[in-house]
Amino acid sequence: MSDTGDRELGEFGYTNQLKRTLGSFHTFAAGISYISVLTGVFQLSYLGLSEGGPAYWWSWPAVFIGQLMVALCFAELAAQYPVAGSVYNWAKKLSNPHIAWMAGWMMLLASIVSISATALAYQRTLPQITSFFQFIGDGTGTSDAANGVLLATVLIVFTTLINAFGVKLMARINSAGVFVELLFAVLLVVFLAFHFVRGPSVVTQTNGTEAGHSSGYLGAFLIAGIASSYVMYGFDTAASLGEESLNPHRNAPKAILRALVASFVLGGLIILFALMAVGNIHAPELGTVGLQYVLTDALGPAIGRVFLFVVFIAITVCVLAVHTAAIRIAFAMARDNALPGGRKLARVNKTTGTPVLPAIVIGVLAVALLVLNINSTQIFSAVTSLAIILIYLSYLLVTVPMLIRRLRGRWPREGTPAGRFSLGRWGLPVNVLGVLWGGAMTINLAWPRNEIYNASPPYHWYLQWISVLFVGVFAAGGFAYYWFVQRHKVGVLADHAAASAPDEEVSR
């Protein structure tokens, strides 16, 4: 019983209605496709290079170390509680239902925004493969944003349909995509290594990006580092699929850490080798197109397009994984009747073994978010930054209660079966560093900088402050709705409630 994770599921008051079909590679693939090093590196490398120059590379190991502290905490939690909607249920176990609701709400909102933000990466990849994909305009100004919205909408419709058909189909597509992504990521590193024109000291060059910053290069580096911050999150997805995984106590923690480490190594080498291989390190295309330009410049148009096609595959499975994770958060909250229409959202299709309605609702909301920004040339950096802020906040709502329990001597919990992942005596310092890192990055990401939120015309004060306004309004408004309306209805739905006695049959 404990090997499947159903015993811990019973501690939450649930009975498992999802199908356990996912193996160890499936859970690893879910984590690594959510992180998706090729998607993140190629989507926002232009931001890192334009704001920080080649020296922005140092933000990659810096972000990895910080996120590793969080991932280690999550791995310990995943070993104990591999449940759907991981962040939501972890916060509930570590704190109280109110904090849990906020963590779930932030994560759900972040996931929807992430779907929109990640799908926009199509615009920086497909038109580079062939101009056929530039359906609207010439790829400049508002036509760039409008065409990006069109391409992203097609992708979101695809991920909605796949997720509606069940986790098994999603896992097969996702695993195949991850295999291709990892294989070609390694090949890309090798190909770039044969085209070096300079040494690794290139990562000490700032290209004058410190100009205009009162704090010198530190100011530029903090902005450029957002490009790396965007990539290394979502590793908790492996745990969120815990109710659909085989041997989740063992597989989920490993998948979380392996996905993060693999992404760090491959991404770091790709960025470094690309900077060493590009013909002109001062080429303006590096700050506008990003590493996509390096592929065709260093490897030639034909080989470059092959790798860009692989980036297209990586983006596709990344959005698929983010959509999958969002569905699990919505499902986890809905079966607690913590969302409006909870009974319908928590309904599991008997044929596919997956909640279908959340897949559709989340897809519609993600497309709606894109349509609202269809003529905004700042959509790429602004929407992406908003997603990351919400992710970091939801993570803090887990790591902070976890730290409080550690300080009170209530974590790790007593009676933990031997052999499960544990930080042991390193738990407290790792947890402290994870909280400090999360708080510092949240402030850095939300800082109302013109370079991120108000970088080009039309200039408006509310665009510069959109991060604070967006997070503040949705956090306060969402919690107000929960406190005055939904809080009084919260409770495990009868269809999902665990049997009160071992021999009692649970109605499905």
Foldseek 3Di string as FASTA:
>chain_A
DVLQQQVVVVVVQFGQLFAADAELLLLLLLLLLQLLLLLLQQQCLLQLCQLFNLLLLVLLVVLLVLVVLLLLVLLQQLLRHLAALSLLVLLCVLDNNLLSLLLLLLLLVLLLLCLLLLLLSCLLFVVLLPVVLQPFDDCDALSSLQSSLVSSLVLLVVLLVQVLLADVSLSVLSSVLSVLSLVVLVVLLVLLVVQFPDDLCSSVDRVPSQPPPPVGSVVSSLRSSVSSLLNQDRLSLSSNCSSRHRSRSPSSSVSSNVSSVSSSVSSSSNSSSLCRRAPDSPDSCCNVSNSLVSLCRRVNSPRSSVVSVSSVSSSSSNSSSSLVSSLSSLLVCLLQLLDVVSVLSVDADPVRSGRNVSSVVSSVSSSVVSVVCSRPPLCNLLSSLLSSLSRLVSSLSNLVSVLVCVVVVCPPHPPSDPPGDDPPPCSNVSSVSNNVSSVVSSCSSQQLDCVRQVVDPPGDPCSSNVSVVVCVCSSVVVSVCSVPPRVVVGGRDQQTGDDPDPPDDRHD
